[in-house]
């Protein structure tokens, strides 16, 4: 038996949103992965792709949260290393040169 046209339109509308989110999010993730070896902001594009996918899929939202935690840890380590390097350079510059 054929479904009424209104139900068919509703099904297509619901499915088209999910398909569009999947395609756009997947393309962003793939483009970001390519940018990891090519010029471009790869990590940002991957995170953006997971953010788009996270609107429809719980696994993508969980991956985005994990990525945010790892990025925060990496930022803290980078700040610490940068601070150590600056301090090391400042200590070296303050010493008089020996001949």
PDB file of N, CA and C in Angstrom:
ATOM      1  N   UNK A   1       0.838  -1.163   0.000  1.00  0.00           N
ATOM      2  CA  UNK A   1       0.000   0.000   0.000  1.00  0.00           C
ATOM      3  C   UNK A   1       0.890   1.236   0.000  1.00  0.00           C
ATOM      4  N   UNK A   2       0.561   2.221  -0.743  1.00  0.00           N
ATOM      5  CA  UNK A   2       1.352   3.438  -0.881  1.00  0.00           C
ATOM      6  C   UNK A   2       1.123   4.366   0.313  1.00  0.00           C
ATOM      7  N   UNK A   3       2.189   5.023   0.734  1.00  0.00           N
ATOM      8  CA  UNK A   3       2.099   5.986   1.831  1.00  0.00           C
ATOM      9  C   UNK A   3       1.537   7.298   1.301  1.00  0.00           C
ATOM     10  N   UNK A   4       0.861   8.032   2.166  1.00  0.00           N
ATOM     11  CA  UNK A   4       0.372   9.343   1.745  1.00  0.00           C
ATOM     12  C   UNK A   4       1.554  10.264   1.422  1.00  0.00           C
ATOM     13  N   UNK A   5       1.384  11.162   0.486  1.00  0.00           N
ATOM     14  CA  UNK A   5       2.480  12.050   0.085  1.00  0.00           C
ATOM     15  C   UNK A   5       3.053  12.878   1.235  1.00  0.00           C
ATOM     16  N   UNK A   6       2.229  13.239   2.199  1.00  0.00           N
ATOM     17  CA  UNK A   6       2.713  14.044   3.327  1.00  0.00           C
ATOM     18  C   UNK A   6       3.741  13.255   4.131  1.00  0.00           C
ATOM     19  N   UNK A   7       3.503  11.978   4.353  1.00  0.00           N
ATOM     20  CA  UNK A   7       4.451  11.139   5.096  1.00  0.00           C
ATOM     21  C   UNK A   7       5.755  10.975   4.328  1.00  0.00           C
ATOM     22  N   UNK A   8       5.663  10.830   3.023  1.00  0.00           N
ATOM     23  CA  UNK A   8       6.859  10.698   2.200  1.00  0.00           C
ATOM     24  C   UNK A   8       7.704  11.974   2.288  1.00  0.00           C
ATOM     25  N   UNK A   9       7.065  13.124   2.225  1.00  0.00           N
ATOM     26  CA  UNK A   9       7.779  14.399   2.311  1.00  0.00           C
ATOM     27  C   UNK A   9       8.439  14.543   3.685  1.00  0.00           C
ATOM     28  N   UNK A  10       7.739  14.175   4.745  1.00  0.00           N
ATOM     29  CA  UNK A  10       8.316  14.251   6.093  1.00  0.00           C
ATOM     30  C   UNK A  10       9.527  13.333   6.214  1.00  0.00           C
ATOM     31  N   UNK A  11       9.419  12.129   5.696  1.00  0.00           N
ATOM     32  CA  UNK A  11      10.544  11.188   5.738  1.00  0.00           C
ATOM     33  C   UNK A  11      11.747  11.738   4.985  1.00  0.00           C
ATOM     34  N   UNK A  12      11.523  12.291   3.813  1.00  0.00           N
ATOM     35  CA  UNK A  12      12.619  12.858   3.031  1.00  0.00           C
ATOM     36  C   UNK A  12      13.250  14.060   3.736  1.00  0.00           C
ATOM     37  N   UNK A  13      12.433  14.874   4.377  1.00  0.00           N
ATOM     38  CA  UNK A  13      12.955  16.036   5.092  1.00  0.00           C
ATOM     39  C   UNK A  13      13.831  15.605   6.263  1.00  0.00           C
ATOM     40  N   UNK A  14      13.354  14.599   7.027  1.00  0.00           N
ATOM     41  CA  UNK A  14      14.146  14.105   8.152  1.00  0.00           C
ATOM     42  C   UNK A  14      15.431  13.464   7.669  1.00  0.00           C
ATOM     43  N   UNK A  15      15.336  12.652   6.660  1.00  0.00           N
ATOM     44  CA  UNK A  15      16.504  11.937   6.150  1.00  0.00           C
ATOM     45  C   UNK A  15      17.477  12.873   5.459  1.00  0.00           C
ATOM     46  N   UNK A  16      16.979  13.864   4.755  1.00  0.00           N
ATOM     47  CA  UNK A  16      17.874  14.760   4.023  1.00  0.00           C
ATOM     48  C   UNK A  16      18.749  15.562   4.974  1.00  0.00           C
ATOM     49  N   UNK A  17      18.212  15.943   6.117  1.00  0.00           N
ATOM     50  CA  UNK A  17      19.024  16.677   7.090  1.00  0.00           C
ATOM     51  C   UNK A  17      20.157  15.794   7.598  1.00  0.00           C
ATOM     52  N   UNK A  18      19.842  14.567   7.922  1.00  0.00           N
ATOM     53  CA  UNK A  18      20.867  13.650   8.430  1.00  0.00           C
ATOM     54  C   UNK A  18      21.903  13.355   7.357  1.00  0.00           C
ATOM     55  N   UNK A  19      21.455  13.168   6.127  1.00  0.00           N
ATOM     56  CA  UNK A  19      22.386  12.919   5.026  1.00  0.00           C
ATOM     57  C   UNK A  19      23.273  14.140   4.797  1.00  0.00           C
ATOM     58  N   UNK A  20      22.691  15.326   4.826  1.00  0.00           N
ATOM     59  CA  UNK A  20      23.471  16.545   4.605  1.00  0.00           C
ATOM     60  C   UNK A  20      24.508  16.739   5.712  1.00  0.00           C
ATOM     61  N   UNK A  21      24.121  16.510   6.953  1.00  0.00           N
ATOM     62  CA  UNK A  21      25.059  16.632   8.072  1.00  0.00           C
ATOM     63  C   UNK A  21      26.177  15.602   7.927  1.00  0.00           C
ATOM     64  N   UNK A  22      25.822  14.384   7.543  1.00  0.00           N
ATOM     65  CA  UNK A  22      26.828  13.334   7.382  1.00  0.00           C
ATOM     66  C   UNK A  22      27.816  13.674   6.271  1.00  0.00           C
ATOM     67  N   UNK A  23      27.309  14.158   5.167  1.00  0.00           N
ATOM     68  CA  UNK A  23      28.179  14.468   4.029  1.00  0.00           C
ATOM     69  C   UNK A  23      29.080  15.663   4.348  1.00  0.00           C
ATOM     70  N   UNK A  24      28.504  16.734   4.869  1.00  0.00           N
ATOM     71  CA  UNK A  24      29.294  17.934   5.166  1.00  0.00           C
ATOM     72  C   UNK A  24      30.314  17.640   6.269  1.00  0.00           C
ATOM     73  N   UNK A  25      29.888  17.000   7.330  1.00  0.00           N
ATOM     74  CA  UNK A  25      30.804  16.671   8.424  1.00  0.00           C
ATOM     75  C   UNK A  25      31.907  15.732   7.983  1.00  0.00           C
ATOM     76  N   UNK A  26      31.545  14.715   7.202  1.00  0.00           N
ATOM     77  CA  UNK A  26      32.546  13.775   6.698  1.00  0.00           C
ATOM     78  C   UNK A  26      33.557  14.444   5.786  1.00  0.00           C
ATOM     79  N   UNK A  27      33.067  15.324   4.921  1.00  0.00           N
ATOM     80  CA  UNK A  27      33.989  16.046   4.030  1.00  0.00           C
ATOM     81  C   UNK A  27      34.927  16.956   4.814  1.00  0.00           C
ATOM     82  N   UNK A  28      34.410  17.590   5.858  1.00  0.00           N
ATOM     83  CA  UNK A  28      35.271  18.444   6.675  1.00  0.00           C
ATOM     84  C   UNK A  28      36.349  17.625   7.391  1.00  0.00           C
ATOM     85  N   UNK A  29      35.959  16.479   7.919  1.00  0.00           N
ATOM     86  CA  UNK A  29      36.945  15.624   8.595  1.00  0.00           C
ATOM     87  C   UNK A  29      37.994  15.149   7.599  1.00  0.00           C
ATOM     88  N   UNK A  30      37.567  14.693   6.433  1.00  0.00           N
ATOM     89  CA  UNK A  30      38.531  14.233   5.424  1.00  0.00           C
ATOM     90  C   UNK A  30      39.444  15.367   4.950  1.00  0.00           C
ATOM     91  N   UNK A  31      38.867  16.553   4.744  1.00  0.00           N
ATOM     92  CA  UNK A  31      39.684  17.698   4.328  1.00  0.00           C
ATOM     93  C   UNK A  31      40.686  18.061   5.418  1.00  0.00           C
ATOM     94  N   UNK A  32      40.260  18.004   6.670  1.00  0.00           N
ATOM     95  CA  UNK A  32      41.165  18.298   7.780  1.00  0.00           C
ATOM     96  C   UNK A  32      42.287  17.284   7.880  1.00  0.00           C
ATOM     97  N   UNK A  33      41.963  16.014   7.664  1.00  0.00           N
ATOM     98  CA  UNK A  33      43.007  14.985   7.687  1.00  0.00           C
ATOM     99  C   UNK A  33      44.004  15.203   6.561  1.00  0.00           C
ATOM    100  N   UNK A  34      43.510  15.611   5.406  1.00  0.00           N
ATOM    101  CA  UNK A  34      44.420  15.901   4.296  1.00  0.00           C
ATOM    102  C   UNK A  34      45.295  17.111   4.633  1.00  0.00           C
ATOM    103  N   UNK A  35      44.715  18.087   5.337  1.00  0.00           N
ATOM    104  CA  UNK A  35      45.478  19.282   5.685  1.00  0.00           C
ATOM    105  C   UNK A  35      46.532  19.021   6.751  1.00  0.00           C
ATOM    106  N   UNK A  36      46.481  17.869   7.394  1.00  0.00           N
ATOM    107  CA  UNK A  36      47.539  17.546   8.352  1.00  0.00           C
ATOM    108  C   UNK A  36      48.873  17.352   7.652  1.00  0.00           C
ATOM    109  N   UNK A  37      48.835  16.918   6.397  1.00  0.00           N
ATOM    110  CA  UNK A  37      50.077  16.744   5.633  1.00  0.00           C
ATOM    111  C   UNK A  37      50.216  17.809   4.546  1.00  0.00           C
ATOM    112  N   UNK A  38      49.142  18.492   4.214  1.00  0.00           N
ATOM    113  CA  UNK A  38      49.161  19.577   3.241  1.00  0.00           C
ATOM    114  C   UNK A  38      49.040  20.900   3.994  1.00  0.00           C
ATOM    115  N   UNK A  39      49.315  22.018   3.331  1.00  0.00           N
ATOM    116  CA  UNK A  39      49.168  23.307   4.018  1.00  0.00           C
ATOM    117  C   UNK A  39      47.709  23.593   4.365  1.00  0.00           C
ATOM    118  N   UNK A  40      47.514  24.078   5.563  1.00  0.00           N
ATOM    119  CA  UNK A  40      46.164  24.428   5.987  1.00  0.00           C
ATOM    120  C   UNK A  40      45.959  24.119   7.456  1.00  0.00           C
ATOM    121  N   UNK A  41      44.885  24.625   8.026  1.00  0.00           N
ATOM    122  CA  UNK A  41      44.591  24.413   9.447  1.00  0.00           C
ATOM    123  C   UNK A  41      43.907  23.064   9.677  1.00  0.00           C
ATOM    124  N   UNK A  42      44.651  21.989   9.567  1.00  0.00           N
ATOM    125  CA  UNK A  42      44.080  20.640   9.606  1.00  0.00           C
ATOM    126  C   UNK A  42      43.324  20.318  10.871  1.00  0.00           C
ATOM    127  N   UNK A  43      43.927  20.573  12.020  1.00  0.00           N
ATOM    128  CA  UNK A  43      43.286  20.193  13.283  1.00  0.00           C
ATOM    129  C   UNK A  43      41.993  20.979  13.477  1.00  0.00           C
ATOM    130  N   UNK A  44      42.009  22.249  13.135  1.00  0.00           N
ATOM    131  CA  UNK A  44      40.786  23.048  13.276  1.00  0.00           C
ATOM    132  C   UNK A  44      39.654  22.521  12.394  1.00  0.00           C
ATOM    133  N   UNK A  45      39.989  22.114  11.190  1.00  0.00           N
ATOM    134  CA  UNK A  45      38.957  21.625  10.265  1.00  0.00           C
ATOM    135  C   UNK A  45      38.427  20.274  10.736  1.00  0.00           C
ATOM    136  N   UNK A  46      39.304  19.423  11.271  1.00  0.00           N
ATOM    137  CA  UNK A  46      38.850  18.131  11.818  1.00  0.00           C
ATOM    138  C   UNK A  46      37.898  18.380  12.986  1.00  0.00           C
ATOM    139  N   UNK A  47      38.260  19.287  13.882  1.00  0.00           N
ATOM    140  CA  UNK A  47      37.394  19.604  15.022  1.00  0.00           C
ATOM    141  C   UNK A  47      36.057  20.166  14.540  1.00  0.00           C
ATOM    142  N   UNK A  48      36.100  21.023  13.537  1.00  0.00           N
ATOM    143  CA  UNK A  48      34.857  21.567  12.974  1.00  0.00           C
ATOM    144  C   UNK A  48      33.997  20.452  12.377  1.00  0.00           C
ATOM    145  N   UNK A  49      34.628  19.500  11.693  1.00  0.00           N
ATOM    146  CA  UNK A  49      33.893  18.366  11.132  1.00  0.00           C
ATOM    147  C   UNK A  49      33.216  17.543  12.211  1.00  0.00           C
ATOM    148  N   UNK A  50      33.952  17.292  13.321  1.00  0.00           N
ATOM    149  CA  UNK A  50      33.344  16.545  14.427  1.00  0.00           C
ATOM    150  C   UNK A  50      32.219  17.342  15.076  1.00  0.00           C
ATOM    151  N   UNK A  51      32.345  18.665  15.111  1.00  0.00           N
ATOM    152  CA  UNK A  51      31.277  19.494  15.670  1.00  0.00           C
ATOM    153  C   UNK A  51      30.017  19.385  14.818  1.00  0.00           C
ATOM    154  N   UNK A  52      30.182  19.381  13.502  1.00  0.00           N
ATOM    155  CA  UNK A  52      29.027  19.239  12.608  1.00  0.00           C
ATOM    156  C   UNK A  52      28.419  17.848  12.768  1.00  0.00           C
ATOM    157  N   UNK A  53      29.258  16.826  12.767  1.00  0.00           N
ATOM    158  CA  UNK A  53      28.745  15.464  12.925  1.00  0.00           C
ATOM    159  C   UNK A  53      28.108  15.258  14.299  1.00  0.00           C
ATOM    160  N   UNK A  54      28.620  15.963  15.310  1.00  0.00           N
ATOM    161  CA  UNK A  54      28.086  15.830  16.663  1.00  0.00           C
ATOM    162  C   UNK A  54      26.666  16.318  16.815  1.00  0.00           C
ATOM    163  N   UNK A  55      26.179  17.095  15.847  1.00  0.00           N
ATOM    164  CA  UNK A  55      24.780  17.529  15.913  1.00  0.00           C
ATOM    165  C   UNK A  55      23.818  16.380  15.640  1.00  0.00           C
ATOM    166  N   UNK A  56      24.290  15.319  14.992  1.00  0.00           N
ATOM    167  CA  UNK A  56      23.429  14.181  14.667  1.00  0.00           C
ATOM    168  C   UNK A  56      23.859  12.876  15.320  1.00  0.00           C
ATOM    169  N   UNK A  57      25.154  12.742  15.624  1.00  0.00           N
ATOM    170  CA  UNK A  57      25.677  11.457  16.099  1.00  0.00           C
ATOM    171  C   UNK A  57      26.335  11.617  17.468  1.00  0.00           C
ATOM    172  N   UNK A  58      25.970  10.755  18.404  1.00  0.00           N
ATOM    173  CA  UNK A  58      26.525  10.813  19.755  1.00  0.00           C
ATOM    174  C   UNK A  58      28.009  10.458  19.749  1.00  0.00           C
ATOM    175  N   UNK A  59      28.437   9.518  18.912  1.00  0.00           N
ATOM    176  CA  UNK A  59      29.851   9.133  18.882  1.00  0.00           C
ATOM    177  C   UNK A  59      30.727  10.300  18.445  1.00  0.00           C
ATOM    178  N   UNK A  60      30.227  11.139  17.552  1.00  0.00           N
ATOM    179  CA  UNK A  60      31.007  12.295  17.102  1.00  0.00           C
ATOM    180  C   UNK A  60      31.087  13.354  18.203  1.00  0.00           C
ATOM    181  N   UNK A  61      30.017  13.523  18.950  1.00  0.00           N
ATOM    182  CA  UNK A  61      30.040  14.472  20.062  1.00  0.00           C
ATOM    183  C   UNK A  61      31.041  14.009  21.120  1.00  0.00           C
ATOM    184  N   UNK A  62      31.088  12.699  21.384  1.00  0.00           N
ATOM    185  CA  UNK A  62      32.055  12.160  22.343  1.00  0.00           C
ATOM    186  C   UNK A  62      33.479  12.338  21.827  1.00  0.00           C
ATOM    187  N   UNK A  63      33.699  12.117  20.537  1.00  0.00           N
ATOM    188  CA  UNK A  63      35.033  12.307  19.949  1.00  0.00           C
ATOM    189  C   UNK A  63      35.447  13.768  20.034  1.00  0.00           C
ATOM    190  N   UNK A  64      34.512  14.682  19.848  1.00  0.00           N
ATOM    191  CA  UNK A  64      34.811  16.112  19.945  1.00  0.00           C
ATOM    192  C   UNK A  64      35.219  16.475  21.372  1.00  0.00           C
ATOM    193  N   UNK A  65      34.526  15.947  22.358  1.00  0.00           N
ATOM    194  CA  UNK A  65      34.881  16.218  23.755  1.00  0.00           C
ATOM    195  C   UNK A  65      36.264  15.675  24.080  1.00  0.00           C
ATOM    196  N   UNK A  66      36.558  14.471  23.607  1.00  0.00           N
ATOM    197  CA  UNK A  66      37.891  13.883  23.810  1.00  0.00           C
ATOM    198  C   UNK A  66      38.958  14.746  23.153  1.00  0.00           C
ATOM    199  N   UNK A  67      38.676  15.214  21.962  1.00  0.00           N
ATOM    200  CA  UNK A  67      39.626  16.059  21.236  1.00  0.00           C
ATOM    201  C   UNK A  67      39.870  17.363  21.989  1.00  0.00           C
ATOM    202  N   UNK A  68      38.827  17.948  22.559  1.00  0.00           N
ATOM    203  CA  UNK A  68      38.980  19.183  23.329  1.00  0.00           C
ATOM    204  C   UNK A  68      39.868  18.948  24.552  1.00  0.00           C
ATOM    205  N   UNK A  69      39.673  17.808  25.247  1.00  0.00           N
ATOM    206  CA  UNK A  69      40.500  17.511  26.421  1.00  0.00           C
ATOM    207  C   UNK A  69      41.960  17.352  26.041  1.00  0.00           C
ATOM    208  N   UNK A  70      42.216  16.628  24.962  1.00  0.00           N
ATOM    209  CA  UNK A  70      43.599  16.424  24.519  1.00  0.00           C
ATOM    210  C   UNK A  70      44.220  17.740  24.077  1.00  0.00           C
ATOM    211  N   UNK A  71      43.459  18.583  23.401  1.00  0.00           N
ATOM    212  CA  UNK A  71      43.976  19.878  22.961  1.00  0.00           C
ATOM    213  C   UNK A  71      44.307  20.765  24.156  1.00  0.00           C
ATOM    214  N   UNK A  72      43.487  20.722  25.206  1.00  0.00           N
ATOM    215  CA  UNK A  72      43.788  21.498  26.408  1.00  0.00           C
ATOM    216  C   UNK A  72      45.085  21.027  27.054  1.00  0.00           C
ATOM    217  N   UNK A  73      45.274  19.707  27.130  1.00  0.00           N
ATOM    218  CA  UNK A  73      46.516  19.170  27.694  1.00  0.00           C
ATOM    219  C   UNK A  73      47.714  19.590  26.854  1.00  0.00           C
ATOM    220  N   UNK A  74      47.585  19.507  25.551  1.00  0.00           N
ATOM    221  CA  UNK A  74      48.687  19.885  24.661  1.00  0.00           C
ATOM    222  C   UNK A  74      49.005  21.370  24.804  1.00  0.00           C
ATOM    223  N   UNK A  75      47.987  22.201  24.959  1.00  0.00           N
ATOM    224  CA  UNK A  75      48.214  23.638  25.128  1.00  0.00           C
ATOM    225  C   UNK A  75      48.955  23.916  26.430  1.00  0.00           C
ATOM    226  N   UNK A  76      48.586  23.209  27.501  1.00  0.00           N
ATOM    227  CA  UNK A  76      49.276  23.401  28.778  1.00  0.00           C
ATOM    228  C   UNK A  76      50.737  22.994  28.675  1.00  0.00           C
ATOM    229  N   UNK A  77      51.008  21.876  28.015  1.00  0.00           N
ATOM    230  CA  UNK A  77      52.387  21.425  27.840  1.00  0.00           C
ATOM    231  C   UNK A  77      53.160  22.427  26.990  1.00  0.00           C
ATOM    232  N   UNK A  78      52.550  22.916  25.927  1.00  0.00           N
ATOM    233  CA  UNK A  78      53.227  23.873  25.047  1.00  0.00           C
ATOM    234  C   UNK A  78      53.522  25.170  25.790  1.00  0.00           C
ATOM    235  N   UNK A  79      52.587  25.629  26.597  1.00  0.00           N
ATOM    236  CA  UNK A  79      52.820  26.855  27.373  1.00  0.00           C
ATOM    237  C   UNK A  79      53.961  26.658  28.363  1.00  0.00           C
ATOM    238  N   UNK A  80      54.005  25.498  28.976  1.00  0.00           N
ATOM    239  CA  UNK A  80      55.077  25.207  29.920  1.00  0.00           C
ATOM    240  C   UNK A  80      56.426  25.163  29.241  1.00  0.00           C
ATOM    241  N   UNK A  81      56.499  24.499  28.099  1.00  0.00           N
ATOM    242  CA  UNK A  81      57.759  24.417  27.359  1.00  0.00           C
ATOM    243  C   UNK A  81      58.184  25.787  26.845  1.00  0.00           C
ATOM    244  N   UNK A  82      57.238  26.586  26.387  1.00  0.00           N
ATOM    245  CA  UNK A  82      57.569  27.918  25.888  1.00  0.00           C
ATOM    246  C   UNK A  82      58.080  28.783  27.033  1.00  0.00           C
ATOM    247  N   UNK A  83      57.463  28.676  28.189  1.00  0.00           N
ATOM    248  CA  UNK A  83      57.924  29.437  29.346  1.00  0.00           C
ATOM    249  C   UNK A  83      59.323  29.015  29.759  1.00  0.00           C
ATOM    250  N   UNK A  84      59.605  27.707  29.736  1.00  0.00           N
ATOM    251  CA  UNK A  84      60.937  27.222  30.068  1.00  0.00           C
ATOM    252  C   UNK A  84      61.963  27.726  29.063  1.00  0.00           C
ATOM    253  N   UNK A  85      61.616  27.729  27.802  1.00  0.00           N
ATOM    254  CA  UNK A  85      62.553  28.178  26.770  1.00  0.00           C
ATOM    255  C   UNK A  85      62.844  29.665  26.921  1.00  0.00           C
ATOM    256  N   UNK A  86      61.849  30.465  27.211  1.00  0.00           N
ATOM    257  CA  UNK A  86      62.055  31.907  27.385  1.00  0.00           C
ATOM    258  C   UNK A  86      62.934  32.159  28.596  1.00  0.00           C
ATOM    259  N   UNK A  87      62.665  31.458  29.681  1.00  0.00           N
ATOM    260  CA  UNK A  87      63.487  31.617  30.875  1.00  0.00           C
ATOM    261  C   UNK A  87      64.923  31.213  30.624  1.00  0.00           C
ATOM    262  N   UNK A  88      65.123  30.152  29.878  1.00  0.00           N
ATOM    263  CA  UNK A  88      66.467  29.690  29.546  1.00  0.00           C
ATOM    264  C   UNK A  88      67.208  30.732  28.715  1.00  0.00           C
ATOM    265  N   UNK A  89      66.540  31.320  27.756  1.00  0.00           N
ATOM    266  CA  UNK A  89      67.157  32.344  26.912  1.00  0.00           C
ATOM    267  C   UNK A  89      67.469  33.579  27.738  1.00  0.00           C
ATOM    268  N   UNK A  90      66.570  33.968  28.613  1.00  0.00           N
ATOM    269  CA  UNK A  90      66.806  35.155  29.441  1.00  0.00           C
ATOM    270  C   UNK A  90      67.999  34.938  30.361  1.00  0.00           C
ATOM    271  N   UNK A  91      68.137  33.746  30.934  1.00  0.00           N
ATOM    272  CA  UNK A  91      69.273  33.464  31.800  1.00  0.00           C
ATOM    273  C   UNK A  91      70.566  33.502  31.004  1.00  0.00           C
ATOM    274  N   UNK A  92      70.553  32.995  29.782  1.00  0.00           N
ATOM    275  CA  UNK A  92      71.742  32.976  28.947  1.00  0.00           C
ATOM    276  C   UNK A  92      72.154  34.384  28.548  1.00  0.00           C
ATOM    277  N   UNK A  93      71.228  35.234  28.243  1.00  0.00           N
ATOM    278  CA  UNK A  93      71.527  36.596  27.801  1.00  0.00           C
ATOM    279  C   UNK A  93      72.081  37.425  28.950  1.00  0.00           C
ATOM    280  N   UNK A  94      71.633  37.195  30.175  1.00  0.00           N
ATOM    281  CA  UNK A  94      72.070  37.987  31.308  1.00  0.00           C
ATOM    282  C   UNK A  94      73.517  37.680  31.719  1.00  0.00           C
ATOM    283  N   UNK A  95      74.041  36.524  31.379  1.00  0.00           N
ATOM    284  CA  UNK A  95      75.410  36.164  31.743  1.00  0.00           C
ATOM    285  C   UNK A  95      76.399  36.932  30.883  1.00  0.00           C
ATOM    286  N   UNK A  96      77.469  37.403  31.477  1.00  0.00           N
ATOM    287  CA  UNK A  96      78.490  38.059  30.653  1.00  0.00           C
ATOM    288  C   UNK A  96      79.266  37.017  29.849  1.00  0.00           C
ATOM    289  N   UNK A  97      79.759  37.447  28.706  1.00  0.00           N
ATOM    290  CA  UNK A  97      80.523  36.541  27.851  1.00  0.00           C
ATOM    291  C   UNK A  97      81.926  36.366  28.407  1.00  0.00           C
ATOM    292  N   UNK A  98      82.422  35.155  28.372  1.00  0.00           N
ATOM    293  CA  UNK A  98      83.784  34.881  28.820  1.00  0.00           C
ATOM    294  C   UNK A  98      84.686  34.786  27.606  1.00  0.00           C
ATOM    295  N   UNK A  99      85.887  35.330  27.721  1.00  0.00           N
ATOM    296  CA  UNK A  99      86.862  35.240  26.610  1.00  0.00           C
ATOM    297  C   UNK A  99      88.028  34.414  26.994  1.00  0.00           C
TER     298      UNK A  99
END
